[in-house]
Amino acid sequence: MTEQPLQSYQNTAQPCTGSSSTSSRCSSSSSRGVPTSTLPSTPSTDLLLSHRSIPPSQPLILAWPPSPSISSTNKSIEPPTPTEAPPGLVAKSSVKMKQSEAHYHDFGLKRYDIATAPTNPVKYQFSNIGSNSMVLLPPADALNTQPLYHISVSLDCFVPFSYITTVVRGGSPNGEVVGDFETGSLVNPAIRESTIFVRDQEHRLKDLVSHVGAMHWTWKPSRRDQALGKPQLEWDFSRPRSQIFSCKLLQAPKILLAIYSPPSFPRRQRGGPPQPSTLEVTPQGYEHLDEVLLSLLVIERERHLRMDL
């Protein structure tokens, strides 16, 4: 099959009539050797060809000018970055991050989302998971049943009758440390005082915890922590028979934050597990749950120590 030379298309253009702008485009088309029968009739879709003749073995390349509405604007159109979202929408990544922070940060209640905090009191349960550790569990019908805190007790290797209690967020000992404290009934206070470590600072335990008799205990954070809004708490153990011990804000109005209930006697029934201790938290108590839990553990340790040894 013989190839038809491109020169056969030359000199076939028809003369143009019309406006000067249209004539200039037509004369340009005819000078390039493009047949007018293949051109669209509208000016906005005129095709431009190279002025050189194209060998038959190469493809014919057509080009056209951009639309005036696009070329007239000086603003560059850039696609949104992957982290951006169209107006009125929220990026999925930010939604997941906010959801994970709501039940915190490994369920960390230090920054508990107030919008997602329960509106009614919730009773949590202390559940042993080993010989020296326990977790604070939500009720079985809660939306999120992950442990809130992991609590473990260890011995000081140099002073084996001094016990160290560590409170960590979440259900494992590898979470964010809330605080720890060390105390023991046989420790000589002149050599080794009871201490507590909270918010990257260590304090003497007697500077934060005090009591009037055996029934009323107070928790007073350091001046730095009080300046940060950490509250002073009051624990009332004046009703031992009812096994209901309340925690309130020390300053008026004395808002109820939590109720602690240790197991009553007998602590275990035949054929059943021991009764668990519970901590019922009010909606106002979630903001201060770190202080509530840490102070409860310290006070319960101190309450049960024999001071006559």
Protein backbone atom coordinates (compact mmCIF):
# COMPACT_ATOMS: atom_id res chain seq x y z
CA MET A 1 0.00 0.00 0.00
CA THR A 2 1.53 3.28 -1.11
CA GLU A 3 1.62 6.14 1.33
CA GLN A 4 -0.09 9.29 0.22
CA PRO A 5 2.35 12.19 0.46
CA LEU A 6 1.48 14.97 2.85
CA GLN A 7 2.01 17.53 0.07
CA SER A 8 -1.33 16.45 -1.42
CA TYR A 9 -3.03 18.25 1.42
CA GLN A 10 -1.35 21.50 0.59
CA ASN A 11 -3.06 24.15 -1.50
CA THR A 12 -6.47 22.61 -0.69
CA ALA A 13 -7.52 25.22 1.84
CA GLN A 14 -10.39 27.43 0.84
CA PRO A 15 -10.12 31.19 1.17
CA CYS A 16 -11.69 32.62 4.29
CA THR A 17 -14.21 35.35 4.65
CA GLY A 18 -15.34 37.22 7.70
CA SER A 19 -13.73 39.36 10.35
CA SER A 20 -10.08 40.20 10.41
CA SER A 21 -9.42 37.95 13.42
CA THR A 22 -11.14 35.05 11.72
CA SER A 23 -9.27 35.72 8.47
CA SER A 24 -5.92 35.75 10.23
CA ARG A 25 -6.66 32.36 11.74
CA CYS A 26 -7.84 30.97 8.41
CA SER A 27 -4.78 32.25 6.57
CA SER A 28 -2.60 30.72 9.27
CA SER A 29 -4.39 27.42 8.83
CA SER A 30 -4.03 27.47 5.03
CA SER A 31 -0.35 28.32 5.26
CA ARG A 32 0.18 25.27 7.44
CA GLY A 33 -1.44 22.98 4.90
CA VAL A 34 -4.33 21.80 7.06
CA PRO A 35 -7.60 20.89 5.25
CA THR A 36 -10.41 23.15 6.31
CA SER A 37 -12.89 20.32 6.05
CA THR A 38 -11.36 18.81 9.24
CA LEU A 39 -11.54 22.00 11.33
CA PRO A 40 -14.37 22.73 13.74
CA SER A 41 -16.54 25.65 12.85
CA THR A 42 -16.26 27.41 16.25
CA PRO A 43 -13.27 29.72 16.83
CA SER A 44 -12.61 28.42 20.38
CA THR A 45 -11.71 24.97 19.06
CA ASP A 46 -9.35 25.99 16.20
CA LEU A 47 -6.45 23.60 15.84
CA LEU A 48 -2.84 24.60 15.38
CA LEU A 49 -0.36 22.54 13.40
CA SER A 50 3.36 22.75 13.08
CA HIS A 51 4.47 24.82 10.08
CA ARG A 52 6.86 22.05 9.00
CA SER A 53 5.64 19.13 6.98
CA ILE A 54 5.41 15.98 9.07
CA PRO A 55 6.89 12.73 7.74
CA PRO A 56 4.31 9.99 7.13
CA SER A 57 6.00 7.68 9.67
CA GLN A 58 5.40 10.08 12.59
CA PRO A 59 2.00 10.68 14.25
CA LEU A 60 0.15 13.88 13.59
CA ILE A 61 0.19 16.01 16.79
CA LEU A 62 -2.58 18.52 17.35
CA ALA A 63 -2.65 21.29 19.99
CA TRP A 64 -5.11 23.99 21.01
CA PRO A 65 -4.92 27.07 23.21
CA PRO A 66 -6.28 26.89 26.77
CA SER A 67 -9.68 28.25 27.63
CA PRO A 68 -9.64 32.04 28.21
CA SER A 69 -11.44 31.58 31.56
CA ILE A 70 -8.51 29.53 32.86
CA SER A 71 -5.66 31.42 31.23
CA SER A 72 -6.97 34.79 32.40
CA THR A 73 -6.69 33.90 36.08
CA ASN A 74 -3.40 34.37 37.87
CA LYS A 75 -4.17 32.06 40.77
CA SER A 76 -2.52 28.66 40.77
CA ILE A 77 -4.78 25.76 41.55
CA GLU A 78 -3.10 23.30 43.90
CA PRO A 79 -4.59 20.05 45.16
CA PRO A 80 -5.19 19.87 48.92
CA THR A 81 -2.60 18.15 51.00
CA PRO A 82 -3.51 14.71 52.41
CA THR A 83 -3.99 16.17 55.88
CA GLU A 84 -6.36 18.91 54.71
CA ALA A 85 -10.08 18.45 54.31
CA PRO A 86 -12.67 20.37 52.26
CA PRO A 87 -14.57 23.10 54.13
CA GLY A 88 -17.33 21.69 56.30
CA LEU A 89 -15.70 18.27 56.61
CA VAL A 90 -13.26 16.80 59.13
CA ALA A 91 -10.29 14.74 58.04
CA LYS A 92 -10.58 11.07 59.01
CA SER A 93 -7.17 11.08 60.63
CA SER A 94 -8.15 13.92 62.97
CA VAL A 95 -11.43 12.15 63.84
CA LYS A 96 -9.56 8.99 64.81
CA MET A 97 -7.07 10.99 66.86
CA LYS A 98 -9.89 12.77 68.72
CA GLN A 99 -11.70 9.49 69.36
CA SER A 100 -8.55 7.89 70.75
CA GLU A 101 -7.94 10.89 72.99
CA ALA A 102 -11.52 10.79 74.24
CA HIS A 103 -10.99 7.51 75.99
CA TYR A 104 -7.48 8.39 76.46
CA HIS A 105 -4.66 8.51 75.53
CA ASP A 106 -4.56 4.91 76.46
CA PHE A 107 -7.76 5.82 78.32
CA GLY A 108 -5.79 8.45 80.25
CA LEU A 109 -8.22 10.46 82.30
CA LYS A 110 -5.74 13.27 82.95
CA ARG A 111 -7.06 14.86 79.77
CA TYR A 112 -10.46 13.18 79.84
CA ASP A 113 -12.77 14.65 77.25
CA ILE A 114 -15.51 16.34 79.27
CA ALA A 115 -17.94 15.99 76.37
CA THR A 116 -17.62 12.18 76.55
CA ALA A 117 -17.47 11.83 80.35
CA PRO A 118 -20.42 9.92 81.84
CA THR A 119 -23.30 12.07 83.02
CA ASN A 120 -24.22 9.64 85.82
CA PRO A 121 -22.12 8.04 88.58
CA VAL A 122 -20.23 4.96 87.40
CA LYS A 123 -19.02 2.19 89.72
CA TYR A 124 -15.57 0.83 88.85
CA GLN A 125 -14.10 -2.34 90.26
CA PHE A 126 -10.60 -3.16 91.51
CA SER A 127 -9.69 -6.51 89.97
CA ASN A 128 -6.57 -8.51 90.85
CA ILE A 129 -4.58 -9.73 87.84
CA GLY A 130 -1.66 -11.25 89.72
CA SER A 131 -0.02 -11.63 93.08
CA ASN A 132 1.06 -7.98 93.23
CA SER A 133 -1.04 -6.05 90.72
CA MET A 134 -4.62 -5.04 89.96
CA VAL A 135 -6.55 -2.92 87.46
CA LEU A 136 -9.47 -0.52 87.77
CA LEU A 137 -12.21 -1.85 85.50
CA PRO A 138 -15.39 -0.19 84.18
CA PRO A 139 -18.68 -2.07 84.56
CA ALA A 140 -19.40 -4.86 82.09
CA ASP A 141 -22.12 -2.84 80.33
CA ALA A 142 -19.91 0.21 79.72
CA LEU A 143 -19.26 1.40 76.18
CA ASN A 144 -15.55 0.95 76.74
CA THR A 145 -14.50 -1.90 79.03
CA GLN A 146 -10.74 -1.28 78.89
CA PRO A 147 -8.99 -0.83 82.26
CA LEU A 148 -8.51 2.76 83.36
CA TYR A 149 -5.46 2.18 85.57
CA HIS A 150 -2.90 -0.49 86.31
CA ILE A 151 -1.71 -0.63 89.95
CA SER A 152 1.29 -2.69 91.04
CA VAL A 153 3.27 -3.16 94.26
CA SER A 154 6.98 -4.00 94.47
CA LEU A 155 9.67 -4.20 97.14
CA ASP A 156 12.69 -2.01 97.59
CA CYS A 157 15.67 -4.33 97.13
CA PHE A 158 17.74 -2.49 99.75
CA VAL A 159 14.84 -2.20 102.21
CA PRO A 160 12.63 -5.21 101.49
CA PHE A 161 10.00 -4.19 104.05
CA SER A 162 9.43 -0.91 102.20
CA TYR A 163 6.70 -1.18 99.57
CA ILE A 164 6.46 0.84 96.35
CA THR A 165 3.04 1.30 94.73
CA THR A 166 3.00 2.46 91.10
CA VAL A 167 -0.09 3.76 89.26
CA VAL A 168 -0.06 3.62 85.44
CA ARG A 169 -2.72 4.47 82.88
CA GLY A 170 -4.35 1.65 80.94
CA GLY A 171 -4.30 -2.08 81.49
CA SER A 172 -0.56 -2.79 81.33
CA PRO A 173 2.46 -1.66 83.38
CA ASN A 174 3.93 0.01 80.27
CA GLY A 175 1.54 2.94 80.14
CA GLU A 176 1.96 6.54 81.26
CA VAL A 177 2.97 6.76 84.92
CA VAL A 178 0.53 8.75 87.05
CA GLY A 179 2.66 8.50 90.20
CA ASP A 180 4.17 6.20 92.79
CA PHE A 181 4.77 6.24 96.53
CA GLU A 182 6.94 4.29 98.96
CA THR A 183 6.21 3.59 102.59
CA GLY A 184 6.63 0.87 105.20
CA SER A 185 5.83 0.39 108.87
CA LEU A 186 9.26 -0.94 109.79
CA VAL A 187 11.26 1.78 108.03
CA ASN A 188 13.19 4.14 110.27
CA PRO A 189 11.82 7.59 109.31
CA ALA A 190 15.04 9.26 110.48
CA ILE A 191 16.90 7.39 107.73
CA ARG A 192 14.26 6.85 105.06
CA GLU A 193 11.10 8.93 104.96
CA SER A 194 7.96 7.87 103.14
CA THR A 195 7.84 9.62 99.77
CA ILE A 196 5.49 10.15 96.86
CA PHE A 197 6.39 10.93 93.26
CA VAL A 198 3.77 12.72 91.17
CA ARG A 199 3.98 14.98 88.11
CA ASP A 200 7.76 14.60 87.83
CA GLN A 201 8.38 15.75 91.40
CA GLU A 202 9.08 13.82 94.58
CA HIS A 203 7.61 14.96 97.90
CA ARG A 204 7.62 13.79 101.46
CA LEU A 205 4.41 11.92 102.02
CA LYS A 206 3.56 13.87 105.16
CA ASP A 207 3.62 17.12 103.14
CA LEU A 208 0.75 15.94 100.94
CA VAL A 209 -1.28 13.65 103.21
CA SER A 210 -2.48 14.46 106.71
CA HIS A 211 -5.30 13.33 108.97
CA VAL A 212 -7.36 14.34 111.99
CA GLY A 213 -7.78 11.17 113.99
CA ALA A 214 -8.37 8.04 111.91
CA MET A 215 -11.58 9.17 110.24
CA HIS A 216 -10.75 12.32 108.28
CA TRP A 217 -7.86 12.53 105.84
CA THR A 218 -6.82 15.35 103.54
CA TRP A 219 -4.82 15.45 100.33
CA LYS A 220 -3.05 18.74 99.64
CA PRO A 221 -1.02 18.98 96.43
CA SER A 222 2.13 21.07 96.31
CA ARG A 223 1.87 24.82 95.76
CA ARG A 224 2.98 24.39 92.17
CA ASP A 225 0.25 21.83 91.50
CA GLN A 226 -2.37 23.96 93.25
CA ALA A 227 -1.37 26.86 91.00
CA LEU A 228 -2.06 24.50 88.07
CA GLY A 229 -5.58 23.89 89.38
CA LYS A 230 -5.05 20.62 91.25
CA PRO A 231 -7.60 20.43 94.08
CA GLN A 232 -7.35 19.69 97.77
CA LEU A 233 -9.39 16.62 98.70
CA GLU A 234 -11.03 15.34 101.87
CA TRP A 235 -11.67 11.67 102.57
CA ASP A 236 -14.29 10.77 105.18
CA PHE A 237 -13.98 7.33 106.84
CA SER A 238 -16.39 8.08 109.66
CA ARG A 239 -18.87 5.34 108.70
CA PRO A 240 -16.88 2.10 108.87
CA ARG A 241 -19.95 -0.08 109.42
CA SER A 242 -21.56 1.05 106.20
CA GLN A 243 -18.27 0.55 104.31
CA ILE A 244 -18.96 3.76 102.37
CA PHE A 245 -16.09 6.25 102.34
CA SER A 246 -16.54 9.49 100.46
CA CYS A 247 -14.12 11.86 98.73
CA LYS A 248 -15.06 15.53 98.39
CA LEU A 249 -13.42 18.80 97.47
CA LEU A 250 -11.93 20.35 100.60
CA GLN A 251 -13.05 23.88 99.75
CA ALA A 252 -16.70 24.90 99.63
CA PRO A 253 -18.84 23.88 97.98
CA LYS A 254 -17.69 20.42 99.02
CA ILE A 255 -18.63 18.61 95.84
CA LEU A 256 -18.78 14.82 96.05
CA LEU A 257 -16.21 13.27 93.68
CA ALA A 258 -16.14 9.55 94.51
CA ILE A 259 -17.25 6.85 96.95
CA TYR A 260 -14.94 4.00 97.91
CA SER A 261 -16.40 0.72 99.18
CA PRO A 262 -14.06 -2.00 100.47
CA PRO A 263 -15.41 -5.54 100.71
CA SER A 264 -17.51 -6.20 103.79
CA PHE A 265 -17.21 -9.21 106.08
CA PRO A 266 -17.25 -12.01 105.14
CA ARG A 267 -15.10 -11.04 102.18
CA ARG A 268 -15.55 -14.33 100.37
CA GLN A 269 -18.40 -16.80 100.09
CA ARG A 270 -18.10 -20.56 99.70
CA GLY A 271 -17.55 -21.45 96.06
CA GLY A 272 -17.24 -17.83 94.93
CA PRO A 273 -14.49 -15.28 94.41
CA PRO A 274 -13.66 -12.64 97.02
CA GLN A 275 -15.74 -9.50 96.97
CA PRO A 276 -13.97 -6.74 95.03
CA SER A 277 -13.42 -3.22 96.25
CA THR A 278 -15.24 -0.59 94.20
CA LEU A 279 -14.83 3.08 93.39
CA GLU A 280 -17.94 4.95 92.30
CA VAL A 281 -17.05 8.14 90.42
CA THR A 282 -19.45 11.05 89.98
CA PRO A 283 -19.49 13.14 86.78
CA GLN A 284 -17.60 15.89 88.64
CA GLY A 285 -14.93 13.42 89.75
CA TYR A 286 -13.49 12.57 86.32
CA GLU A 287 -11.57 15.80 86.10
CA HIS A 288 -9.70 14.90 89.31
CA LEU A 289 -9.61 11.11 89.01
CA ASP A 290 -5.80 10.93 89.12
CA GLU A 291 -5.76 12.67 92.50
CA VAL A 292 -8.74 10.69 93.78
CA LEU A 293 -7.16 7.32 93.01
CA LEU A 294 -3.65 8.19 94.14
CA SER A 295 -4.83 9.71 97.42
CA LEU A 296 -7.08 6.71 98.12
CA LEU A 297 -4.21 4.24 97.70
CA VAL A 298 -1.93 6.29 99.97
CA ILE A 299 -4.55 6.75 102.68
CA GLU A 300 -5.61 3.09 102.67
CA ARG A 301 -1.95 2.08 103.06
CA GLU A 302 -1.50 4.49 105.97
CA ARG A 303 -4.79 3.57 107.63
CA HIS A 304 -3.94 -0.11 107.81
CA LEU A 305 -0.39 0.27 109.12
CA ARG A 306 0.24 -0.61 112.78
CA MET A 307 1.75 2.44 114.40
CA ASP A 308 2.61 0.66 117.66
CA LEU A 309 5.50 -1.35 116.21
